[in-house]
Protein backbone atom coordinates (compact mmCIF):
# COMPACT_ATOMS: atom_id res chain seq x y z
CA MET A 1 -34.96 -29.72 6.36
CA SER A 2 -31.67 -29.33 8.24
CA ASP A 3 -31.56 -29.78 12.09
CA GLU A 4 -28.51 -27.40 12.06
CA PRO A 5 -29.18 -23.92 13.71
CA ALA A 6 -28.78 -20.98 11.21
CA ARG A 7 -25.64 -19.46 11.19
CA LEU A 8 -25.24 -15.75 12.13
CA LYS A 9 -24.03 -13.61 9.22
CA PRO A 10 -21.48 -10.98 10.02
CA TYR A 11 -22.90 -7.26 10.11
CA PRO A 12 -22.03 -5.46 6.78
CA SER A 13 -19.10 -3.38 7.47
CA VAL A 14 -19.00 0.26 6.88
CA ALA A 15 -16.57 1.45 4.43
CA ILE A 16 -14.73 4.27 5.57
CA PRO A 17 -13.27 6.55 2.63
CA ASN A 18 -9.61 7.25 2.71
CA ARG A 19 -8.80 10.78 2.72
CA SER A 20 -6.70 11.89 -0.17
CA ARG A 21 -3.62 13.98 0.16
CA SER A 22 -5.46 16.85 -1.60
CA ASP A 23 -8.05 16.43 1.36
CA ARG A 24 -5.58 16.80 3.89
CA ASP A 25 -3.70 19.65 2.19
CA ARG A 26 -7.18 21.55 2.01
CA GLU A 27 -7.64 20.96 5.65
CA ARG A 28 -4.24 22.23 6.41
CA ASP A 29 -4.73 25.42 4.34
CA GLN A 30 -8.03 26.12 5.87
CA PRO A 31 -7.45 29.10 8.19
CA TRP A 32 -8.47 28.37 11.77
CA GLU A 33 -9.17 30.57 14.85
CA ILE A 34 -8.58 30.11 18.63
CA ALA A 35 -9.40 32.31 21.51
CA ILE A 36 -7.09 32.55 24.57
CA PHE A 37 -9.34 34.38 26.85
CA GLY A 38 -9.20 34.55 30.81
CA ASP A 39 -6.81 32.75 33.10
CA LEU A 40 -4.42 30.36 31.25
CA THR A 41 -3.97 28.15 34.32
CA GLU A 42 -7.95 27.50 34.67
CA LYS A 43 -8.24 26.75 30.82
CA GLN A 44 -4.83 25.07 30.28
CA SER A 45 -6.07 21.72 29.09
CA GLU A 46 -8.78 23.28 26.95
CA LEU A 47 -6.34 25.47 25.25
CA MET A 48 -3.63 22.88 24.57
CA GLU A 49 -6.28 20.72 23.11
CA HIS A 50 -7.12 23.47 20.89
CA LEU A 51 -3.48 23.83 19.62
CA ILE A 52 -3.31 19.95 19.00
CA GLN A 53 -6.53 19.65 16.93
CA VAL A 54 -5.42 22.07 14.32
CA PRO A 55 -3.43 20.61 11.36
CA ARG A 56 0.33 20.86 11.88
CA ASN A 57 2.22 23.46 9.85
CA SER A 58 -1.12 25.54 9.20
CA ARG A 59 -2.04 28.91 9.36
CA GLY A 60 -4.74 30.63 11.59
CA THR A 61 -5.62 33.35 14.07
CA ILE A 62 -5.17 33.53 17.93
CA PHE A 63 -7.08 36.14 19.62
CA PHE A 64 -5.85 37.29 22.94
CA ASP A 65 -7.81 38.63 26.10
CA SER A 66 -5.95 37.22 28.91
CA GLY A 67 -4.40 38.50 32.25
CA GLY A 68 -2.19 35.63 32.28
CA GLY A 69 -1.69 32.68 34.60
CA SER A 70 1.04 30.19 35.33
CA ILE A 71 4.26 30.91 33.52
CA TYR A 72 4.63 27.27 32.86
CA THR A 73 1.21 27.09 30.99
CA GLY A 74 2.08 30.14 28.90
CA LEU A 75 5.46 28.34 28.09
CA ALA A 76 3.78 25.12 27.23
CA LEU A 77 1.21 27.10 24.82
CA ALA A 78 4.33 28.72 23.09
CA THR A 79 6.11 25.61 22.78
CA LEU A 80 3.12 23.95 21.09
CA VAL A 81 2.86 26.73 18.61
CA ARG A 82 6.42 26.31 17.49
CA MET A 83 6.72 22.43 17.90
CA ARG A 84 3.62 21.92 15.68
CA GLY A 85 4.92 24.40 12.94
CA LEU A 86 1.73 26.52 13.23
CA ASP A 87 1.86 30.01 11.49
CA PRO A 88 -0.59 32.06 13.58
CA ASP A 89 -1.44 35.85 13.66
CA GLY A 90 -1.65 36.93 17.09
CA VAL A 91 -4.29 39.64 17.61
CA VAL A 92 -4.72 41.26 20.97
CA VAL A 93 -8.29 42.24 21.30
CA GLY A 94 -8.35 43.29 24.99
CA GLU A 95 -5.35 42.62 27.29
CA CYS A 96 -2.47 40.17 26.89
CA SER A 97 -0.25 40.34 29.96
CA SER A 98 2.15 38.22 32.15
CA ALA A 99 2.34 34.66 30.92
CA ALA A 100 -0.09 35.38 28.11
CA LEU A 101 2.85 37.17 26.49
CA MET A 102 4.64 33.89 25.89
CA PRO A 103 2.19 32.34 23.27
CA LEU A 104 1.73 35.80 21.73
CA ALA A 105 5.46 36.13 21.14
CA ALA A 106 5.42 32.68 19.40
CA CYS A 107 3.15 34.12 16.73
CA GLN A 108 4.56 34.72 13.35
CA ARG A 109 2.59 38.02 13.08
CA ARG A 110 1.17 40.03 15.95
CA TRP A 111 -1.69 42.73 15.68
CA VAL A 112 -2.82 45.10 18.30
CA THR A 113 -5.33 48.08 18.24
CA PRO A 114 -4.79 51.51 19.77
CA HIS A 115 -6.87 50.12 22.88
CA SER A 116 -4.62 47.01 23.57
CA THR A 117 -2.99 46.61 26.81
CA LEU A 118 0.01 44.52 27.73
CA LEU A 119 1.60 44.12 31.11
CA PHE A 120 5.25 43.01 31.26
CA HIS A 121 6.61 42.19 34.79
CA PRO A 122 9.17 39.65 36.27
CA VAL A 123 8.00 35.98 36.84
CA ARG A 124 6.20 35.95 40.15
CA TRP A 125 6.62 33.54 42.98
CA GLN A 126 4.06 30.99 43.09
CA SER A 127 4.03 28.14 45.84
CA ASP A 128 1.72 26.05 48.03
CA GLU A 129 1.04 27.49 51.33
CA ASP A 130 2.20 24.23 53.02
CA LEU A 131 5.66 24.01 51.41
CA ARG A 132 8.37 22.67 53.64
CA PHE A 133 11.48 24.58 54.14
CA GLU A 134 13.75 22.30 52.10
CA GLU A 135 11.13 22.71 49.06
CA ALA A 136 11.15 26.47 49.57
CA GLU A 137 14.84 26.65 49.46
CA GLU A 138 14.78 24.42 46.25
CA TRP A 139 12.06 26.65 44.74
CA ALA A 140 14.11 29.82 45.44
CA ARG A 141 17.03 28.26 43.56
CA HIS A 142 14.87 27.25 40.52
CA PHE A 143 13.02 30.51 40.69
CA LYS A 144 16.18 32.43 39.78
CA PHE A 145 16.69 30.13 36.74
CA VAL A 146 13.20 30.35 35.65
CA GLU A 147 13.18 34.22 35.74
CA ALA A 148 16.39 34.51 33.76
CA ASP A 149 15.40 31.83 31.39
CA MET A 150 11.98 33.28 30.56
CA ASP A 151 13.45 36.78 30.01
CA GLN A 152 15.75 35.28 27.39
CA LEU A 153 13.12 33.20 25.56
CA LEU A 154 10.75 36.12 25.36
CA SER A 155 13.43 38.32 24.05
CA ARG A 156 14.35 35.96 21.46
CA MET A 157 10.73 35.20 20.37
CA PHE A 158 9.92 38.98 20.29
CA ASN A 159 13.07 39.69 18.72
CA ILE A 160 13.60 42.53 21.07
CA ALA A 161 17.01 43.61 22.68
CA PRO A 162 17.23 42.24 26.28
CA ASP A 163 17.81 45.78 27.77
CA LYS A 164 14.59 47.08 26.21
CA LEU A 165 12.74 44.21 27.58
CA LEU A 166 14.36 44.48 30.97
CA ALA A 167 13.16 48.30 31.04
CA TRP A 168 9.57 47.18 30.57
CA THR A 169 9.76 44.10 32.98
CA ARG A 170 11.62 45.62 35.92
CA PRO A 171 9.67 46.61 37.87
CA GLY A 172 6.94 46.30 35.32
CA LYS A 173 5.13 48.36 32.61
CA PHE A 174 1.71 48.54 31.05
CA VAL A 175 2.57 48.80 27.32
CA THR A 176 0.04 49.98 24.97
CA GLY A 177 -0.70 48.97 21.47
CA PRO A 178 0.85 51.91 19.93
CA GLU A 179 3.98 51.44 21.99
CA MET A 180 4.18 47.80 20.69
CA VAL A 181 4.13 49.08 17.18
CA GLU A 182 6.76 51.67 17.67
CA ALA A 183 8.90 49.08 19.15
CA GLY A 184 8.52 46.98 16.06
CA LEU A 185 6.65 44.14 18.01
CA ALA A 186 3.22 44.31 16.40
CA ARG A 187 1.23 46.07 13.60
CA MET A 188 -1.60 48.27 14.14
CA ILE A 189 -5.30 47.34 13.27
CA ASP A 190 -7.46 50.31 12.57
CA LEU A 191 -11.02 49.53 13.77
CA PHE A 192 -12.57 52.31 11.77
CA ALA A 193 -10.78 51.92 8.57
CA GLY A 194 -12.86 49.36 6.73
CA ASP A 195 -12.61 45.78 6.78
CA VAL A 196 -10.16 44.71 9.32
CA TRP A 197 -9.07 41.25 7.44
CA SER A 198 -8.43 43.17 4.28
CA GLN A 199 -5.88 45.39 6.37
CA ILE A 200 -4.40 42.29 7.85
CA ALA A 201 -4.20 40.76 4.35
CA LYS A 202 -2.52 43.67 2.72
CA LEU A 203 -0.11 44.50 5.68
CA GLY A 204 0.86 40.84 6.06
CA GLU A 205 2.47 40.71 2.61
CA SER A 206 5.49 42.52 3.87
CA PRO A 207 7.85 41.32 6.46
CA SER A 208 6.14 41.50 9.99
CA PRO A 209 7.20 41.67 13.51
């Protein structure tokens, strides 16, 4: 009998199956759903995480019921949609206003109901209460740039003439679902005309706003 201590054997490893290309393709082709509800600023990390978790170049649906929040949060969400090559349908189920218009405009197809409400208004001043004079002076300079830049970006993503957008944002306008459809920025969903998804699938076959 040997006096040598028994050697510990390594714990058997667990084989992790490699995902095939077809598995990844199926995952990418599986439609996803994300809800942008409430204040964008308060839910920024959660919303951005959702947009990062879905497969790149995939198609899904983003539901909107938000009064907005920080314009930078709205810009970040819209940028993520475009940078990751996402192909979402944006559906305004309640309100979509202010900074929330940015990610809606980034959607490839946009849908509203007769009861949807969208508030267009200029970028609002946001700063800390204890802002120093020189900081306030710099913010005022930057504010002018942000205001003009966001107007230009929103006009381009919505594919709406700048003067039409200006008529809504200065000094501000509540735009209804039917007005969005009339302007060519969205399509109408009839909540009382049978299956909504069938309507979306049928109307989505033709070029959309």
